[in-house]
Amino acid sequence: MKKWLIILSLLFITCENKGVEMVREPAVAGQFYPGNPSDLKEMIQRFLDNSKIETGGKVIG
């Protein structure tokens, strides 16, 4: 049993796609957020500009 487990483990390790970057196309762009990257960036920036976070004391980390 151990022998088969080792063989299967080695098989999975060697069959792994290394160096292949898979990028998934956006599936819902424009449905609940802007599909245009510059519009999305502007929207996120507005959210960040409108957020007021005050920390008490010195931030560590």
Protein backbone atom coordinates (compact mmCIF):
# COMPACT_ATOMS: atom_id res chain seq x y z
CA MET A 1 0.00 0.00 0.00
CA LYS A 2 2.80 2.40 0.91
CA LYS A 3 4.53 1.58 -2.34
CA TRP A 4 1.48 2.58 -4.40
CA LEU A 5 1.00 5.75 -2.41
CA ILE A 6 4.59 6.79 -3.09
CA ILE A 7 4.26 5.94 -6.79
CA LEU A 8 1.03 7.93 -7.10
CA SER A 9 2.52 10.86 -5.21
CA LEU A 10 5.53 10.94 -7.51
CA LEU A 11 3.27 10.70 -10.54
CA PHE A 12 1.18 13.68 -9.42
CA ILE A 13 4.26 15.73 -8.57
CA THR A 14 5.90 15.14 -11.95
CA CYS A 15 2.70 15.78 -13.93
CA GLU A 16 2.15 19.17 -12.35
CA ASN A 17 2.10 22.11 -14.79
CA LYS A 18 5.08 24.14 -13.71
CA GLY A 19 5.73 27.55 -15.19
CA VAL A 20 2.37 27.67 -16.94
CA GLU A 21 0.41 30.69 -15.87
CA MET A 22 -3.32 30.29 -16.30
CA VAL A 23 -5.25 33.54 -16.24
CA ARG A 24 -9.01 33.31 -16.21
CA GLU A 25 -10.92 35.93 -18.15
CA PRO A 26 -13.33 37.99 -16.04
CA ALA A 27 -16.67 36.20 -16.00
CA VAL A 28 -18.87 38.93 -14.53
CA ALA A 29 -17.13 42.17 -15.52
CA GLY A 30 -19.70 44.88 -16.08
CA GLN A 31 -22.50 43.08 -14.27
CA PHE A 32 -22.03 44.35 -10.72
CA TYR A 33 -18.83 46.35 -11.17
CA PRO A 34 -17.58 48.40 -14.15
CA GLY A 35 -16.17 46.34 -17.01
CA ASN A 36 -13.76 49.07 -18.05
CA PRO A 37 -10.51 48.85 -16.01
CA SER A 38 -10.10 52.63 -15.72
CA ASP A 39 -13.71 53.05 -14.52
CA LEU A 40 -13.19 50.29 -11.97
CA LYS A 41 -9.97 51.90 -10.75
CA GLU A 42 -11.75 55.24 -10.38
CA MET A 43 -14.64 53.63 -8.49
CA ILE A 44 -12.29 51.87 -6.06
CA GLN A 45 -10.30 55.08 -5.54
CA ARG A 46 -13.52 56.94 -4.65
CA PHE A 47 -14.39 54.23 -2.11
CA LEU A 48 -10.93 54.53 -0.56
CA ASP A 49 -11.06 58.34 -0.55
CA ASN A 50 -14.45 58.29 1.21
CA SER A 51 -13.34 55.88 3.92
CA LYS A 52 -12.24 57.50 7.13
CA ILE A 53 -10.20 55.18 9.29
CA GLU A 54 -8.74 56.56 12.47
CA THR A 55 -6.38 54.42 14.46
CA GLY A 56 -5.73 55.01 18.08
CA GLY A 57 -2.06 54.94 18.92
CA LYS A 58 0.91 53.65 16.99
CA VAL A 59 0.30 51.01 14.35
CA ILE A 60 2.65 48.04 14.62
CA GLY A 61 2.61 45.50 11.81
